């Protein structure tokens, strides 16, 4: 289930299962040094951290990576990501483990390399801005791409996400949802950002909402509100119908 809140008076209420967590991982969009709505705002992260602290003294991790493979810590500093008793991590420094795609008939890839910090966390939260790229939604599930390792095939070439060359990104995102299921999705829709290639050159529209819930439900609702045709969400719904135990 997904719920839409007015952003002006939003207060994060943790789901009951968060009270049992001993380690919580938050995946923001911190892929560049540009502030919200390009990236996740520090204000929303602080609200979520404070809500978690109200129900558990669990260890809280915040982790992301840069598209180039450059260190992310200067970006955290620029974005003013500084939270009491929260550990900020660079995904590329993790140990990566291979996980199988649970779909018998996968959409793009049968396996993913996943950082061990994800597998060792009890509760996983994806917090993403309200992005529409070429008419397609990029919300809490698309935000998970920053957890994949970068592979540089040859010196001087741009790195690729876990070496997934020439694969349809929408199909990769659909597979990633099943291989790396998150517990909670949050879309920061205070503003909507529409862009073609570069989010930093996009057009912003005031929206005034925060969407919270199960990641697929959150993204489906965000796509509906945005009027965005988002192929990977349709593929995920198809995969959900055929995957045993998800009826």
C-alpha atoms as a PDB file:
ATOM      1  CA  UNK A   1       0.000   0.000   0.000  1.00  0.00           C
ATOM      2  CA  UNK A   2       1.164   3.548  -0.758  1.00  0.00           C
ATOM      3  CA  UNK A   3       0.072   6.773   0.936  1.00  0.00           C
ATOM      4  CA  UNK A   4       0.361  10.359  -0.310  1.00  0.00           C
ATOM      5  CA  UNK A   5       1.181  13.039   2.267  1.00  0.00           C
ATOM      6  CA  UNK A   6       1.332  16.802   2.001  1.00  0.00           C
ATOM      7  CA  UNK A   7       5.025  17.667   2.143  1.00  0.00           C
ATOM      8  CA  UNK A   8       4.487  20.839   4.179  1.00  0.00           C
ATOM      9  CA  UNK A   9       3.491  18.897   7.312  1.00  0.00           C
ATOM     10  CA  UNK A  10       5.054  15.499   6.615  1.00  0.00           C
ATOM     11  CA  UNK A  11       6.263  13.463   9.582  1.00  0.00           C
ATOM     12  CA  UNK A  12       7.714  10.019   8.987  1.00  0.00           C
ATOM     13  CA  UNK A  13       5.873   7.269  10.844  1.00  0.00           C
ATOM     14  CA  UNK A  14       7.942   4.058  10.716  1.00  0.00           C
ATOM     15  CA  UNK A  15       6.129   0.817   9.815  1.00  0.00           C
ATOM     16  CA  UNK A  16       5.807  -1.582  12.777  1.00  0.00           C
ATOM     17  CA  UNK A  17       8.458  -4.028  11.533  1.00  0.00           C
ATOM     18  CA  UNK A  18      11.112  -1.316  11.719  1.00  0.00           C
ATOM     19  CA  UNK A  19      11.022  -1.564  15.518  1.00  0.00           C
ATOM     20  CA  UNK A  20      12.665  -5.000  15.263  1.00  0.00           C
ATOM     21  CA  UNK A  21      15.520  -3.910  12.998  1.00  0.00           C
ATOM     22  CA  UNK A  22      19.080  -3.815  14.297  1.00  0.00           C
ATOM     23  CA  UNK A  23      20.572  -2.328  11.113  1.00  0.00           C
ATOM     24  CA  UNK A  24      18.714  -0.042   8.696  1.00  0.00           C
ATOM     25  CA  UNK A  25      20.044   0.889   5.261  1.00  0.00           C
ATOM     26  CA  UNK A  26      18.804   4.060   3.569  1.00  0.00           C
ATOM     27  CA  UNK A  27      19.555   4.465  -0.147  1.00  0.00           C
ATOM     28  CA  UNK A  28      19.110   8.107  -1.218  1.00  0.00           C
ATOM     29  CA  UNK A  29      19.769   9.579  -4.626  1.00  0.00           C
ATOM     30  CA  UNK A  30      23.116  11.263  -3.974  1.00  0.00           C
ATOM     31  CA  UNK A  31      24.645  10.708  -7.398  1.00  0.00           C
ATOM     32  CA  UNK A  32      25.706  14.340  -7.897  1.00  0.00           C
ATOM     33  CA  UNK A  33      26.515  17.437  -5.861  1.00  0.00           C
ATOM     34  CA  UNK A  34      23.388  19.251  -7.074  1.00  0.00           C
ATOM     35  CA  UNK A  35      20.696  19.779  -4.412  1.00  0.00           C
ATOM     36  CA  UNK A  36      17.062  18.678  -4.453  1.00  0.00           C
ATOM     37  CA  UNK A  37      15.209  17.999  -6.717  1.00  0.00           C
ATOM     38  CA  UNK A  38      18.215  16.509  -8.542  1.00  0.00           C
ATOM     39  CA  UNK A  39      19.138  14.561  -5.407  1.00  0.00           C
ATOM     40  CA  UNK A  40      17.405  13.537  -2.175  1.00  0.00           C
ATOM     41  CA  UNK A  41      17.147  16.437   0.261  1.00  0.00           C
ATOM     42  CA  UNK A  42      18.939  16.288   3.634  1.00  0.00           C
ATOM     43  CA  UNK A  43      15.746  17.533   5.296  1.00  0.00           C
ATOM     44  CA  UNK A  44      13.783  14.436   4.271  1.00  0.00           C
ATOM     45  CA  UNK A  45      16.646  12.155   5.252  1.00  0.00           C
ATOM     46  CA  UNK A  46      16.751  13.809   8.678  1.00  0.00           C
ATOM     47  CA  UNK A  47      13.001  13.329   9.071  1.00  0.00           C
ATOM     48  CA  UNK A  48      13.306   9.627   8.272  1.00  0.00           C
ATOM     49  CA  UNK A  49      16.310   9.185  10.574  1.00  0.00           C
ATOM     50  CA  UNK A  50      14.430  10.913  13.416  1.00  0.00           C
ATOM     51  CA  UNK A  51      11.411   8.672  12.846  1.00  0.00           C
ATOM     52  CA  UNK A  52      13.573   5.552  12.993  1.00  0.00           C
ATOM     53  CA  UNK A  53      15.227   6.766  16.200  1.00  0.00           C
ATOM     54  CA  UNK A  54      11.767   7.080  17.745  1.00  0.00           C
ATOM     55  CA  UNK A  55      11.187   3.316  17.577  1.00  0.00           C
ATOM     56  CA  UNK A  56      14.620   1.663  17.571  1.00  0.00           C
ATOM     57  CA  UNK A  57      18.243   2.291  18.423  1.00  0.00           C
ATOM     58  CA  UNK A  58      19.292   0.344  15.328  1.00  0.00           C
ATOM     59  CA  UNK A  59      22.458   1.153  13.441  1.00  0.00           C
ATOM     60  CA  UNK A  60      21.539   3.410  10.511  1.00  0.00           C
ATOM     61  CA  UNK A  61      23.555   3.369   7.272  1.00  0.00           C
ATOM     62  CA  UNK A  62      23.235   5.738   4.319  1.00  0.00           C
ATOM     63  CA  UNK A  63      24.888   4.510   1.134  1.00  0.00           C
ATOM     64  CA  UNK A  64      25.099   5.509  -2.514  1.00  0.00           C
ATOM     65  CA  UNK A  65      27.660   5.765  -5.314  1.00  0.00           C
ATOM     66  CA  UNK A  66      28.607   8.092  -8.152  1.00  0.00           C
ATOM     67  CA  UNK A  67      28.022   7.206 -11.836  1.00  0.00           C
ATOM     68  CA  UNK A  68      31.731   7.756 -12.571  1.00  0.00           C
ATOM     69  CA  UNK A  69      33.083   5.711  -9.684  1.00  0.00           C
ATOM     70  CA  UNK A  70      34.589   8.807  -8.031  1.00  0.00           C
ATOM     71  CA  UNK A  71      34.436   8.947  -4.215  1.00  0.00           C
ATOM     72  CA  UNK A  72      31.036  10.016  -2.922  1.00  0.00           C
ATOM     73  CA  UNK A  73      32.123  11.593   0.359  1.00  0.00           C
ATOM     74  CA  UNK A  74      32.688  15.094  -1.105  1.00  0.00           C
ATOM     75  CA  UNK A  75      29.139  14.926  -2.489  1.00  0.00           C
ATOM     76  CA  UNK A  76      27.744  13.998   0.916  1.00  0.00           C
ATOM     77  CA  UNK A  77      29.502  17.043   2.327  1.00  0.00           C
ATOM     78  CA  UNK A  78      28.197  19.369  -0.408  1.00  0.00           C
ATOM     79  CA  UNK A  79      24.644  18.067   0.014  1.00  0.00           C
ATOM     80  CA  UNK A  80      24.935  18.630   3.793  1.00  0.00           C
ATOM     81  CA  UNK A  81      24.378  14.971   4.635  1.00  0.00           C
ATOM     82  CA  UNK A  82      25.433  15.041   8.278  1.00  0.00           C
ATOM     83  CA  UNK A  83      23.271  13.132  10.746  1.00  0.00           C
ATOM     84  CA  UNK A  84      23.874  12.178  14.355  1.00  0.00           C
ATOM     85  CA  UNK A  85      24.837   8.504  14.820  1.00  0.00           C
ATOM     86  CA  UNK A  86      24.421   7.703  11.107  1.00  0.00           C
ATOM     87  CA  UNK A  87      27.195   6.057   9.093  1.00  0.00           C
ATOM     88  CA  UNK A  88      27.689   7.417   5.554  1.00  0.00           C
ATOM     89  CA  UNK A  89      29.134   4.851   3.148  1.00  0.00           C
ATOM     90  CA  UNK A  90      30.348   4.645  -0.437  1.00  0.00           C
ATOM     91  CA  UNK A  91      28.835   1.607  -2.161  1.00  0.00           C
ATOM     92  CA  UNK A  92      31.982   1.003  -4.216  1.00  0.00           C
ATOM     93  CA  UNK A  93      33.909   0.207  -1.028  1.00  0.00           C
ATOM     94  CA  UNK A  94      31.649  -2.773  -0.298  1.00  0.00           C
ATOM     95  CA  UNK A  95      32.268  -6.451  -0.840  1.00  0.00           C
ATOM     96  CA  UNK A  96      29.933  -7.558  -3.636  1.00  0.00           C
ATOM     97  CA  UNK A  97      28.201 -10.925  -3.623  1.00  0.00           C
ATOM     98  CA  UNK A  98      26.429 -12.571  -6.546  1.00  0.00           C
ATOM     99  CA  UNK A  99      22.682 -13.066  -6.137  1.00  0.00           C
ATOM    100  CA  UNK A 100      20.416 -15.062  -8.417  1.00  0.00           C
ATOM    101  CA  UNK A 101      17.354 -13.561  -9.992  1.00  0.00           C
ATOM    102  CA  UNK A 102      14.366 -15.466  -8.509  1.00  0.00           C
ATOM    103  CA  UNK A 103      12.498 -15.238 -11.822  1.00  0.00           C
ATOM    104  CA  UNK A 104      12.795 -18.421 -13.883  1.00  0.00           C
ATOM    105  CA  UNK A 105      12.234 -16.349 -17.014  1.00  0.00           C
ATOM    106  CA  UNK A 106      14.204 -13.199 -16.250  1.00  0.00           C
ATOM    107  CA  UNK A 107      13.883 -10.015 -18.275  1.00  0.00           C
ATOM    108  CA  UNK A 108      17.566  -9.061 -18.722  1.00  0.00           C
ATOM    109  CA  UNK A 109      19.992 -10.877 -16.427  1.00  0.00           C
ATOM    110  CA  UNK A 110      20.008 -14.032 -14.309  1.00  0.00           C
ATOM    111  CA  UNK A 111      22.268 -12.617 -11.564  1.00  0.00           C
ATOM    112  CA  UNK A 112      23.197  -9.351  -9.865  1.00  0.00           C
ATOM    113  CA  UNK A 113      26.261  -8.369  -7.856  1.00  0.00           C
ATOM    114  CA  UNK A 114      24.949  -6.898  -4.612  1.00  0.00           C
ATOM    115  CA  UNK A 115      26.881  -5.044  -1.866  1.00  0.00           C
ATOM    116  CA  UNK A 116      27.130  -7.000   1.373  1.00  0.00           C
ATOM    117  CA  UNK A 117      25.917  -3.980   3.360  1.00  0.00           C
ATOM    118  CA  UNK A 118      22.506  -4.572   1.773  1.00  0.00           C
ATOM    119  CA  UNK A 119      22.451  -8.256   2.668  1.00  0.00           C
ATOM    120  CA  UNK A 120      23.536  -7.552   6.237  1.00  0.00           C
ATOM    121  CA  UNK A 121      20.809  -4.962   6.891  1.00  0.00           C
ATOM    122  CA  UNK A 122      17.449  -5.826   8.445  1.00  0.00           C
ATOM    123  CA  UNK A 123      15.373  -3.076   6.864  1.00  0.00           C
ATOM    124  CA  UNK A 124      15.942  -1.377   3.493  1.00  0.00           C
ATOM    125  CA  UNK A 125      14.599   2.059   2.511  1.00  0.00           C
ATOM    126  CA  UNK A 126      14.896   3.749  -0.889  1.00  0.00           C
ATOM    127  CA  UNK A 127      14.333   7.537  -0.889  1.00  0.00           C
ATOM    128  CA  UNK A 128      14.176   9.075  -4.358  1.00  0.00           C
ATOM    129  CA  UNK A 129      13.254  12.430  -5.910  1.00  0.00           C
ATOM    130  CA  UNK A 130      10.228  12.705  -8.231  1.00  0.00           C
ATOM    131  CA  UNK A 131      12.003  12.343 -11.590  1.00  0.00           C
ATOM    132  CA  UNK A 132      10.469  11.876 -15.041  1.00  0.00           C
ATOM    133  CA  UNK A 133      13.056  11.027 -17.702  1.00  0.00           C
ATOM    134  CA  UNK A 134      11.818  11.308 -21.293  1.00  0.00           C
ATOM    135  CA  UNK A 135       8.284  10.675 -20.059  1.00  0.00           C
ATOM    136  CA  UNK A 136       9.238   7.609 -17.977  1.00  0.00           C
ATOM    137  CA  UNK A 137       9.190   7.600 -14.179  1.00  0.00           C
ATOM    138  CA  UNK A 138      12.421   7.212 -12.213  1.00  0.00           C
ATOM    139  CA  UNK A 139      11.365   6.638  -8.631  1.00  0.00           C
ATOM    140  CA  UNK A 140      12.296   4.396  -5.677  1.00  0.00           C
ATOM    141  CA  UNK A 141      13.045   1.223  -7.681  1.00  0.00           C
ATOM    142  CA  UNK A 142      15.147   3.007 -10.306  1.00  0.00           C
ATOM    143  CA  UNK A 143      17.054   4.548  -7.384  1.00  0.00           C
ATOM    144  CA  UNK A 144      18.492   1.100  -6.601  1.00  0.00           C
ATOM    145  CA  UNK A 145      20.784   1.227  -9.653  1.00  0.00           C
ATOM    146  CA  UNK A 146      23.284   3.126  -7.509  1.00  0.00           C
ATOM    147  CA  UNK A 147      23.882  -0.058  -5.501  1.00  0.00           C
ATOM    148  CA  UNK A 148      25.337  -1.973  -8.451  1.00  0.00           C
ATOM    149  CA  UNK A 149      29.113  -2.184  -8.946  1.00  0.00           C
ATOM    150  CA  UNK A 150      30.767  -0.285 -11.774  1.00  0.00           C
ATOM    151  CA  UNK A 151      32.898  -2.169 -14.289  1.00  0.00           C
ATOM    152  CA  UNK A 152      35.412  -0.435 -16.548  1.00  0.00           C
ATOM    153  CA  UNK A 153      36.218  -2.773 -19.435  1.00  0.00           C
ATOM    154  CA  UNK A 154      39.080  -0.723 -20.889  1.00  0.00           C
ATOM    155  CA  UNK A 155      41.121   2.247 -19.636  1.00  0.00           C
ATOM    156  CA  UNK A 156      39.509   5.516 -20.650  1.00  0.00           C
ATOM    157  CA  UNK A 157      36.061   4.012 -21.196  1.00  0.00           C
ATOM    158  CA  UNK A 158      33.111   5.049 -19.080  1.00  0.00           C
ATOM    159  CA  UNK A 159      32.290   2.448 -16.410  1.00  0.00           C
ATOM    160  CA  UNK A 160      29.144   0.343 -16.772  1.00  0.00           C
ATOM    161  CA  UNK A 161      26.777  -0.897 -14.078  1.00  0.00           C
ATOM    162  CA  UNK A 162      28.085  -4.402 -13.231  1.00  0.00           C
ATOM    163  CA  UNK A 163      29.077  -4.746 -16.887  1.00  0.00           C
ATOM    164  CA  UNK A 164      25.474  -4.771 -18.138  1.00  0.00           C
ATOM    165  CA  UNK A 165      26.328  -3.550 -21.627  1.00  0.00           C
ATOM    166  CA  UNK A 166      23.685  -3.194 -24.335  1.00  0.00           C
ATOM    167  CA  UNK A 167      20.854  -4.380 -22.081  1.00  0.00           C
ATOM    168  CA  UNK A 168      17.495  -2.609 -21.932  1.00  0.00           C
ATOM    169  CA  UNK A 169      17.569  -0.567 -18.721  1.00  0.00           C
ATOM    170  CA  UNK A 170      13.844  -0.988 -18.152  1.00  0.00           C
ATOM    171  CA  UNK A 171      14.259  -4.762 -18.172  1.00  0.00           C
ATOM    172  CA  UNK A 172      17.284  -4.533 -15.858  1.00  0.00           C
ATOM    173  CA  UNK A 173      15.220  -2.480 -13.394  1.00  0.00           C
ATOM    174  CA  UNK A 174      12.447  -5.065 -13.455  1.00  0.00           C
ATOM    175  CA  UNK A 175      14.904  -7.850 -12.621  1.00  0.00           C
ATOM    176  CA  UNK A 176      16.598  -5.731  -9.957  1.00  0.00           C
ATOM    177  CA  UNK A 177      13.317  -5.315  -8.099  1.00  0.00           C
ATOM    178  CA  UNK A 178      13.043  -9.087  -7.640  1.00  0.00           C
ATOM    179  CA  UNK A 179      16.724  -9.734  -6.918  1.00  0.00           C
ATOM    180  CA  UNK A 180      17.041  -6.846  -4.458  1.00  0.00           C
ATOM    181  CA  UNK A 181      13.633  -6.250  -2.844  1.00  0.00           C
ATOM    182  CA  UNK A 182      13.485  -3.198  -0.544  1.00  0.00           C
ATOM    183  CA  UNK A 183      11.064  -2.913   2.363  1.00  0.00           C
ATOM    184  CA  UNK A 184      10.029   0.723   1.956  1.00  0.00           C
ATOM    185  CA  UNK A 185       9.983   3.264  -0.829  1.00  0.00           C
ATOM    186  CA  UNK A 186       9.692   7.027  -0.394  1.00  0.00           C
ATOM    187  CA  UNK A 187       9.295   9.431  -3.308  1.00  0.00           C
ATOM    188  CA  UNK A 188      10.100  13.041  -2.448  1.00  0.00           C
ATOM    189  CA  UNK A 189       7.559  14.772  -4.669  1.00  0.00           C
ATOM    190  CA  UNK A 190       7.757  18.275  -3.234  1.00  0.00           C
ATOM    191  CA  UNK A 191       8.879  19.113  -6.755  1.00  0.00           C
ATOM    192  CA  UNK A 192       8.653  17.206 -10.008  1.00  0.00           C
ATOM    193  CA  UNK A 193      11.739  17.204 -12.225  1.00  0.00           C
ATOM    194  CA  UNK A 194      11.333  16.488 -15.952  1.00  0.00           C
ATOM    195  CA  UNK A 195      14.509  16.030 -17.977  1.00  0.00           C
ATOM    196  CA  UNK A 196      15.783  14.605 -21.256  1.00  0.00           C
ATOM    197  CA  UNK A 197      19.402  13.632 -20.590  1.00  0.00           C
ATOM    198  CA  UNK A 198      20.794  15.695 -17.729  1.00  0.00           C
ATOM    199  CA  UNK A 199      18.710  16.127 -14.523  1.00  0.00           C
ATOM    200  CA  UNK A 200      20.665  19.307 -13.799  1.00  0.00           C
ATOM    201  CA  UNK A 201      19.109  20.868 -16.914  1.00  0.00           C
ATOM    202  CA  UNK A 202      15.567  19.682 -16.246  1.00  0.00           C
ATOM    203  CA  UNK A 203      12.353  21.596 -15.643  1.00  0.00           C
ATOM    204  CA  UNK A 204      10.919  21.681 -12.123  1.00  0.00           C
ATOM    205  CA  UNK A 205       7.256  21.920 -11.144  1.00  0.00           C
ATOM    206  CA  UNK A 206       5.957  22.444  -7.623  1.00  0.00           C
ATOM    207  CA  UNK A 207       4.035  19.361  -6.450  1.00  0.00           C
ATOM    208  CA  UNK A 208       3.988  19.404  -2.642  1.00  0.00           C
ATOM    209  CA  UNK A 209       3.713  15.666  -1.940  1.00  0.00           C
ATOM    210  CA  UNK A 210       5.582  12.815  -0.253  1.00  0.00           C
ATOM    211  CA  UNK A 211       4.653   9.230  -1.235  1.00  0.00           C
ATOM    212  CA  UNK A 212       5.429   6.414   1.199  1.00  0.00           C
ATOM    213  CA  UNK A 213       4.825   2.659   1.123  1.00  0.00           C
ATOM    214  CA  UNK A 214       5.892  -0.613  -0.464  1.00  0.00           C
ATOM    215  CA  UNK A 215       8.277   0.336  -3.311  1.00  0.00           C
ATOM    216  CA  UNK A 216       6.257  -1.067  -6.224  1.00  0.00           C
ATOM    217  CA  UNK A 217       3.030   0.467  -4.920  1.00  0.00           C
ATOM    218  CA  UNK A 218       4.783   3.789  -4.320  1.00  0.00           C
ATOM    219  CA  UNK A 219       6.229   3.866  -7.817  1.00  0.00           C
ATOM    220  CA  UNK A 220       2.962   2.845  -9.459  1.00  0.00           C
ATOM    221  CA  UNK A 221       1.174   5.656  -7.644  1.00  0.00           C
ATOM    222  CA  UNK A 222       3.930   8.140  -8.494  1.00  0.00           C
ATOM    223  CA  UNK A 223       3.750   7.121 -12.162  1.00  0.00           C
ATOM    224  CA  UNK A 224      -0.028   7.543 -12.145  1.00  0.00           C
ATOM    225  CA  UNK A 225       0.194  10.994 -10.567  1.00  0.00           C
ATOM    226  CA  UNK A 226       2.898  11.998 -13.046  1.00  0.00           C
ATOM    227  CA  UNK A 227       1.072  10.555 -16.058  1.00  0.00           C
ATOM    228  CA  UNK A 228       4.291   8.694 -16.846  1.00  0.00           C
ATOM    229  CA  UNK A 229       4.464   5.510 -18.892  1.00  0.00           C
ATOM    230  CA  UNK A 230       7.031   3.437 -16.982  1.00  0.00           C
ATOM    231  CA  UNK A 231       7.872   0.134 -18.667  1.00  0.00           C
ATOM    232  CA  UNK A 232       9.807  -1.480 -15.808  1.00  0.00           C
ATOM    233  CA  UNK A 233       6.793  -1.158 -13.501  1.00  0.00           C
ATOM    234  CA  UNK A 234       4.619  -2.998 -16.021  1.00  0.00           C
ATOM    235  CA  UNK A 235       7.265  -5.719 -16.306  1.00  0.00           C
ATOM    236  CA  UNK A 236       7.447  -6.037 -12.516  1.00  0.00           C
ATOM    237  CA  UNK A 237       3.683  -6.507 -12.335  1.00  0.00           C
ATOM    238  CA  UNK A 238       4.007  -9.238 -14.963  1.00  0.00           C
ATOM    239  CA  UNK A 239       6.839 -10.911 -13.050  1.00  0.00           C
ATOM    240  CA  UNK A 240       4.864 -10.711  -9.803  1.00  0.00           C
ATOM    241  CA  UNK A 241       2.041 -12.704 -11.365  1.00  0.00           C
ATOM    242  CA  UNK A 242       4.341 -15.541 -12.428  1.00  0.00           C
ATOM    243  CA  UNK A 243       6.708 -15.677  -9.436  1.00  0.00           C
ATOM    244  CA  UNK A 244       5.672 -18.355  -6.917  1.00  0.00           C
ATOM    245  CA  UNK A 245       4.625 -17.034  -3.531  1.00  0.00           C
ATOM    246  CA  UNK A 246       3.798 -13.503  -4.714  1.00  0.00           C
ATOM    247  CA  UNK A 247       0.106 -13.955  -5.438  1.00  0.00           C
END
